[in-house]
Amino acid sequence: MSLKRVHETLAALGLNQSDANMYVFLAKTGPHKGKDLCNALNMPKPRLYQCLSKLKSKGAVSVTPERPAIFSAVPFEKVLDILVKAKMEEAQRTQQDKDEALSDWKLIIEAESNKKP
C-alpha cells in the first residue's frame, strides 16, 4: 500500500488531511511530545492539539498522562478496524433514520388520504 493510498483510506474513513498527516507521521516516526510535533509538522499549536484531540477521540492516538505528554500512534491495523466499525455504525444509523422517515411519510400520506371526501 502506497503512502498516498494510506492517506486516501484514512480520508475515506473520516480523517481530514491534517489528522491523517499527523497519524501517519506518528506511526512512521514513533512517539513525540507536542512541541516536537509542532516543529516537525510546522503546525500551529492550537491546530496541532485539535488534531491530536480528534485522533485520540477516534482511538488512533494514545497519550501518556505525565507532562509533557507523549503522543503515540495506535497500530494501523487497529485504527482501520476502529474507523471501519465507526463507519458501519454510521451506516446502520442512517438506514434506521431512512426507515423511520419512510414510516413517518407513509403515515402522513395515509392521514392526508383519509381527510379527502
N, C-alpha and C. Protein backbone atom coordinates (compact mmCIF):
# COMPACT_ATOMS: atom_id res chain seq x y z
N MET A 1 0.85 -1.18 0.00
CA MET A 1 0.00 0.00 0.00
C MET A 1 0.89 1.24 0.00
N SER A 2 0.66 2.11 -0.93
CA SER A 2 1.45 3.34 -1.01
C SER A 2 0.99 4.33 0.06
N LEU A 3 1.86 5.28 0.34
CA LEU A 3 1.53 6.31 1.32
C LEU A 3 0.30 7.10 0.87
N LYS A 4 0.21 7.34 -0.44
CA LYS A 4 -0.96 8.04 -0.97
C LYS A 4 -2.23 7.25 -0.68
N ARG A 5 -2.17 5.95 -0.87
CA ARG A 5 -3.34 5.09 -0.62
C ARG A 5 -3.69 5.08 0.87
N VAL A 6 -2.69 5.11 1.72
CA VAL A 6 -2.94 5.18 3.17
C VAL A 6 -3.71 6.45 3.48
N HIS A 7 -3.26 7.58 2.95
CA HIS A 7 -3.95 8.86 3.19
C HIS A 7 -5.38 8.82 2.63
N GLU A 8 -5.55 8.27 1.44
CA GLU A 8 -6.89 8.17 0.85
C GLU A 8 -7.81 7.29 1.70
N THR A 9 -7.28 6.21 2.21
CA THR A 9 -8.07 5.31 3.05
C THR A 9 -8.47 6.00 4.34
N LEU A 10 -7.53 6.68 4.97
CA LEU A 10 -7.85 7.41 6.21
C LEU A 10 -8.88 8.50 5.95
N ALA A 11 -8.77 9.18 4.81
CA ALA A 11 -9.75 10.22 4.46
C ALA A 11 -11.12 9.61 4.23
N ALA A 12 -11.17 8.49 3.54
CA ALA A 12 -12.45 7.82 3.27
C ALA A 12 -13.11 7.35 4.57
N LEU A 13 -12.30 7.12 5.58
CA LEU A 13 -12.82 6.64 6.86
C LEU A 13 -13.05 7.78 7.85
N GLY A 14 -12.91 9.03 7.40
CA GLY A 14 -13.33 10.15 8.24
C GLY A 14 -12.26 11.07 8.79
N LEU A 15 -11.00 10.86 8.44
CA LEU A 15 -9.97 11.78 8.91
C LEU A 15 -9.73 12.85 7.85
N ASN A 16 -9.54 14.10 8.29
CA ASN A 16 -9.18 15.13 7.32
C ASN A 16 -7.68 15.04 7.04
N GLN A 17 -7.19 15.86 6.13
CA GLN A 17 -5.79 15.78 5.69
C GLN A 17 -4.82 16.00 6.84
N SER A 18 -5.09 17.01 7.68
CA SER A 18 -4.20 17.29 8.81
C SER A 18 -4.15 16.12 9.79
N ASP A 19 -5.33 15.56 10.09
CA ASP A 19 -5.39 14.43 11.01
C ASP A 19 -4.64 13.22 10.44
N ALA A 20 -4.84 12.96 9.16
CA ALA A 20 -4.17 11.84 8.51
C ALA A 20 -2.66 12.05 8.50
N ASN A 21 -2.22 13.27 8.18
CA ASN A 21 -0.79 13.57 8.19
C ASN A 21 -0.19 13.35 9.58
N MET A 22 -0.90 13.82 10.60
CA MET A 22 -0.43 13.67 11.97
C MET A 22 -0.32 12.19 12.34
N TYR A 23 -1.37 11.42 12.02
CA TYR A 23 -1.35 10.00 12.35
C TYR A 23 -0.20 9.29 11.63
N VAL A 24 -0.06 9.52 10.33
CA VAL A 24 0.99 8.86 9.55
C VAL A 24 2.37 9.24 10.09
N PHE A 25 2.55 10.51 10.41
CA PHE A 25 3.84 10.94 10.96
C PHE A 25 4.16 10.19 12.25
N LEU A 26 3.21 10.14 13.16
CA LEU A 26 3.43 9.43 14.43
C LEU A 26 3.65 7.94 14.20
N ALA A 27 2.90 7.37 13.28
CA ALA A 27 3.03 5.93 13.02
C ALA A 27 4.40 5.60 12.43
N LYS A 28 4.91 6.49 11.59
CA LYS A 28 6.20 6.24 10.95
C LYS A 28 7.39 6.55 11.84
N THR A 29 7.27 7.59 12.67
CA THR A 29 8.44 8.07 13.41
C THR A 29 8.42 7.72 14.90
N GLY A 30 7.30 7.27 15.41
CA GLY A 30 7.23 6.90 16.82
C GLY A 30 6.72 8.04 17.69
N PRO A 31 6.69 7.81 19.01
CA PRO A 31 6.13 8.78 19.96
C PRO A 31 6.86 10.12 19.96
N HIS A 32 6.08 11.19 20.18
CA HIS A 32 6.63 12.55 20.23
C HIS A 32 5.88 13.38 21.26
N LYS A 33 6.57 14.41 21.74
CA LYS A 33 5.94 15.44 22.56
C LYS A 33 5.26 16.43 21.61
N GLY A 34 4.28 17.13 22.12
CA GLY A 34 3.55 18.11 21.32
C GLY A 34 4.47 19.15 20.69
N LYS A 35 5.42 19.66 21.47
CA LYS A 35 6.34 20.68 20.97
C LYS A 35 7.13 20.15 19.77
N ASP A 36 7.58 18.91 19.87
CA ASP A 36 8.33 18.31 18.76
C ASP A 36 7.45 18.16 17.52
N LEU A 37 6.18 17.80 17.73
CA LEU A 37 5.24 17.67 16.61
C LEU A 37 5.01 19.01 15.93
N CYS A 38 4.87 20.07 16.74
CA CYS A 38 4.69 21.42 16.17
C CYS A 38 5.84 21.76 15.24
N ASN A 39 7.05 21.50 15.70
CA ASN A 39 8.24 21.83 14.90
C ASN A 39 8.33 20.94 13.67
N ALA A 40 8.14 19.64 13.84
CA ALA A 40 8.32 18.70 12.73
C ALA A 40 7.26 18.89 11.65
N LEU A 41 6.03 19.19 12.06
CA LEU A 41 4.93 19.31 11.10
C LEU A 41 4.65 20.75 10.70
N ASN A 42 5.39 21.69 11.31
CA ASN A 42 5.20 23.11 11.02
C ASN A 42 3.72 23.49 11.15
N MET A 43 3.16 23.13 12.29
CA MET A 43 1.73 23.33 12.52
C MET A 43 1.55 24.22 13.76
N PRO A 44 0.65 25.18 13.71
CA PRO A 44 0.39 26.00 14.90
C PRO A 44 -0.10 25.13 16.05
N LYS A 45 0.31 25.50 17.24
CA LYS A 45 0.00 24.71 18.44
C LYS A 45 -1.51 24.44 18.61
N PRO A 46 -2.38 25.45 18.45
CA PRO A 46 -3.81 25.17 18.63
C PRO A 46 -4.33 24.12 17.63
N ARG A 47 -3.89 24.23 16.38
CA ARG A 47 -4.32 23.27 15.35
C ARG A 47 -3.78 21.88 15.66
N LEU A 48 -2.54 21.83 16.11
CA LEU A 48 -1.91 20.55 16.45
C LEU A 48 -2.72 19.83 17.54
N TYR A 49 -3.08 20.56 18.58
CA TYR A 49 -3.80 19.92 19.68
C TYR A 49 -5.24 19.57 19.29
N GLN A 50 -5.82 20.31 18.34
CA GLN A 50 -7.12 19.91 17.79
C GLN A 50 -7.01 18.56 17.10
N CYS A 51 -5.99 18.42 16.26
CA CYS A 51 -5.77 17.16 15.54
C CYS A 51 -5.53 16.01 16.52
N LEU A 52 -4.66 16.25 17.48
CA LEU A 52 -4.35 15.20 18.45
C LEU A 52 -5.59 14.81 19.25
N SER A 53 -6.38 15.79 19.63
CA SER A 53 -7.60 15.51 20.37
C SER A 53 -8.57 14.68 19.54
N LYS A 54 -8.73 15.04 18.28
CA LYS A 54 -9.63 14.30 17.39
C LYS A 54 -9.12 12.87 17.20
N LEU A 55 -7.82 12.73 16.96
CA LEU A 55 -7.25 11.39 16.77
C LEU A 55 -7.37 10.55 18.03
N LYS A 56 -7.20 11.18 19.18
CA LYS A 56 -7.36 10.46 20.45
C LYS A 56 -8.80 10.01 20.64
N SER A 57 -9.74 10.88 20.33
CA SER A 57 -11.16 10.53 20.50
C SER A 57 -11.59 9.43 19.54
N LYS A 58 -10.94 9.34 18.40
CA LYS A 58 -11.26 8.28 17.43
C LYS A 58 -10.50 6.99 17.72
N GLY A 59 -9.59 7.03 18.69
CA GLY A 59 -8.84 5.84 19.05
C GLY A 59 -7.60 5.61 18.20
N ALA A 60 -7.14 6.63 17.47
CA ALA A 60 -5.98 6.48 16.59
C ALA A 60 -4.67 6.87 17.26
N VAL A 61 -4.75 7.63 18.34
CA VAL A 61 -3.56 8.10 19.04
C VAL A 61 -3.77 7.89 20.53
N SER A 62 -2.70 7.49 21.20
CA SER A 62 -2.73 7.40 22.66
C SER A 62 -1.81 8.48 23.23
N VAL A 63 -2.05 8.85 24.48
CA VAL A 63 -1.27 9.91 25.11
C VAL A 63 -0.92 9.48 26.54
N THR A 64 0.30 9.82 26.95
CA THR A 64 0.72 9.50 28.31
C THR A 64 0.13 10.52 29.27
N PRO A 65 -0.08 10.13 30.53
CA PRO A 65 -0.67 11.07 31.50
C PRO A 65 0.32 12.12 32.02
N GLU A 66 1.62 11.85 31.97
CA GLU A 66 2.58 12.80 32.53
C GLU A 66 2.75 14.01 31.62
N ARG A 67 3.37 15.05 32.19
CA ARG A 67 3.61 16.29 31.45
C ARG A 67 5.10 16.47 31.30
N PRO A 68 5.60 16.80 30.14
CA PRO A 68 4.82 16.95 28.92
C PRO A 68 4.34 15.60 28.39
N ALA A 69 3.15 15.62 27.85
CA ALA A 69 2.55 14.39 27.33
C ALA A 69 3.30 13.91 26.10
N ILE A 70 3.30 12.60 25.93
CA ILE A 70 3.91 11.99 24.76
C ILE A 70 2.80 11.29 23.97
N PHE A 71 2.73 11.60 22.68
CA PHE A 71 1.68 11.08 21.81
C PHE A 71 2.24 9.94 20.95
N SER A 72 1.45 8.88 20.83
CA SER A 72 1.85 7.70 20.05
C SER A 72 0.71 7.29 19.15
N ALA A 73 1.06 6.76 17.98
CA ALA A 73 0.06 6.24 17.05
C ALA A 73 -0.33 4.83 17.48
N VAL A 74 -1.62 4.55 17.44
CA VAL A 74 -2.12 3.19 17.64
C VAL A 74 -1.77 2.41 16.37
N PRO A 75 -1.50 1.12 16.46
CA PRO A 75 -1.16 0.36 15.24
C PRO A 75 -2.19 0.56 14.12
N PHE A 76 -1.68 0.67 12.90
CA PHE A 76 -2.51 0.96 11.73
C PHE A 76 -3.66 -0.02 11.58
N GLU A 77 -3.41 -1.32 11.77
CA GLU A 77 -4.46 -2.32 11.62
C GLU A 77 -5.61 -2.05 12.59
N LYS A 78 -5.26 -1.69 13.82
CA LYS A 78 -6.29 -1.41 14.82
C LYS A 78 -7.07 -0.13 14.47
N VAL A 79 -6.35 0.88 13.98
CA VAL A 79 -7.02 2.13 13.57
C VAL A 79 -8.01 1.85 12.45
N LEU A 80 -7.60 1.06 11.47
CA LEU A 80 -8.51 0.71 10.38
C LEU A 80 -9.75 0.01 10.93
N ASP A 81 -9.56 -0.94 11.83
CA ASP A 81 -10.71 -1.64 12.42
C ASP A 81 -11.64 -0.68 13.14
N ILE A 82 -11.07 0.24 13.92
CA ILE A 82 -11.88 1.21 14.67
C ILE A 82 -12.66 2.11 13.73
N LEU A 83 -11.97 2.66 12.71
CA LEU A 83 -12.63 3.58 11.78
C LEU A 83 -13.68 2.89 10.92
N VAL A 84 -13.39 1.66 10.49
CA VAL A 84 -14.38 0.90 9.70
C VAL A 84 -15.60 0.60 10.54
N LYS A 85 -15.40 0.21 11.79
CA LYS A 85 -16.53 -0.07 12.69
C LYS A 85 -17.39 1.18 12.87
N ALA A 86 -16.74 2.34 13.04
CA ALA A 86 -17.49 3.59 13.20
C ALA A 86 -18.30 3.91 11.95
N LYS A 87 -17.71 3.68 10.76
CA LYS A 87 -18.44 3.92 9.51
C LYS A 87 -19.63 2.97 9.37
N MET A 88 -19.44 1.72 9.77
CA MET A 88 -20.52 0.74 9.68
C MET A 88 -21.66 1.12 10.63
N GLU A 89 -21.31 1.58 11.83
CA GLU A 89 -22.34 2.01 12.78
C GLU A 89 -23.08 3.24 12.24
N GLU A 90 -22.34 4.14 11.61
CA GLU A 90 -22.97 5.32 11.00
C GLU A 90 -23.93 4.90 9.89
N ALA A 91 -23.53 3.93 9.08
CA ALA A 91 -24.40 3.44 8.00
C ALA A 91 -25.66 2.80 8.57
N GLN A 92 -25.52 2.06 9.67
CA GLN A 92 -26.70 1.45 10.29
C GLN A 92 -27.64 2.51 10.83
N ARG A 93 -27.08 3.57 11.44
CA ARG A 93 -27.93 4.67 11.94
C ARG A 93 -28.63 5.37 10.79
N THR A 94 -27.93 5.55 9.69
CA THR A 94 -28.51 6.19 8.51
C THR A 94 -29.65 5.34 7.96
N GLN A 95 -29.45 4.04 7.90
CA GLN A 95 -30.51 3.14 7.43
C GLN A 95 -31.72 3.20 8.35
N GLN A 96 -31.46 3.23 9.66
CA GLN A 96 -32.56 3.32 10.63
C GLN A 96 -33.30 4.64 10.46
N ASP A 97 -32.57 5.74 10.28
CA ASP A 97 -33.20 7.04 10.05
C ASP A 97 -34.06 7.01 8.79
N LYS A 98 -33.54 6.39 7.75
CA LYS A 98 -34.29 6.26 6.50
C LYS A 98 -35.58 5.49 6.73
N ASP A 99 -35.49 4.35 7.41
CA ASP A 99 -36.66 3.53 7.67
C ASP A 99 -37.71 4.30 8.48
N GLU A 100 -37.25 5.04 9.49
CA GLU A 100 -38.17 5.83 10.31
C GLU A 100 -38.81 6.95 9.50
N ALA A 101 -38.03 7.61 8.65
CA ALA A 101 -38.56 8.69 7.82
C ALA A 101 -39.61 8.14 6.84
N LEU A 102 -39.33 6.99 6.25
CA LEU A 102 -40.31 6.39 5.34
C LEU A 102 -41.58 6.00 6.06
N SER A 103 -41.44 5.46 7.25
CA SER A 103 -42.61 5.09 8.04
C SER A 103 -43.45 6.32 8.37
N ASP A 104 -42.78 7.39 8.81
CA ASP A 104 -43.48 8.64 9.11
C ASP A 104 -44.17 9.19 7.86
N TRP A 105 -43.47 9.13 6.73
CA TRP A 105 -44.03 9.64 5.48
C TRP A 105 -45.28 8.87 5.09
N LYS A 106 -45.26 7.55 5.23
CA LYS A 106 -46.43 6.74 4.91
C LYS A 106 -47.61 7.11 5.80
N LEU A 107 -47.35 7.36 7.08
CA LEU A 107 -48.42 7.78 7.98
C LEU A 107 -49.00 9.13 7.58
N ILE A 108 -48.13 10.05 7.16
CA ILE A 108 -48.58 11.38 6.73
C ILE A 108 -49.45 11.25 5.49
N ILE A 109 -49.00 10.48 4.51
CA ILE A 109 -49.76 10.30 3.27
C ILE A 109 -51.09 9.61 3.57
N GLU A 110 -51.06 8.63 4.43
CA GLU A 110 -52.28 7.90 4.80
C GLU A 110 -53.27 8.84 5.48
N ALA A 111 -52.77 9.69 6.38
CA ALA A 111 -53.64 10.65 7.08
C ALA A 111 -54.24 11.65 6.09
N GLU A 112 -53.45 12.10 5.13
CA GLU A 112 -53.94 13.02 4.12
C GLU A 112 -55.02 12.38 3.25
N SER A 113 -54.81 11.13 2.88
CA SER A 113 -55.79 10.48 2.02
C SER A 113 -57.08 10.19 2.78
N ASN A 114 -57.02 10.01 4.09
CA ASN A 114 -58.23 9.80 4.90
C ASN A 114 -59.03 11.09 5.07
N LYS A 115 -58.40 12.26 4.91
CA LYS A 115 -59.09 13.55 5.04
C LYS A 115 -59.94 13.85 3.82
N LYS A 116 -59.57 13.29 2.67
CA LYS A 116 -60.29 13.60 1.43
C LYS A 116 -61.65 12.92 1.43
N PRO A 117 -62.66 13.63 0.88
CA PRO A 117 -64.03 13.06 0.86
C PRO A 117 -64.19 11.91 -0.10
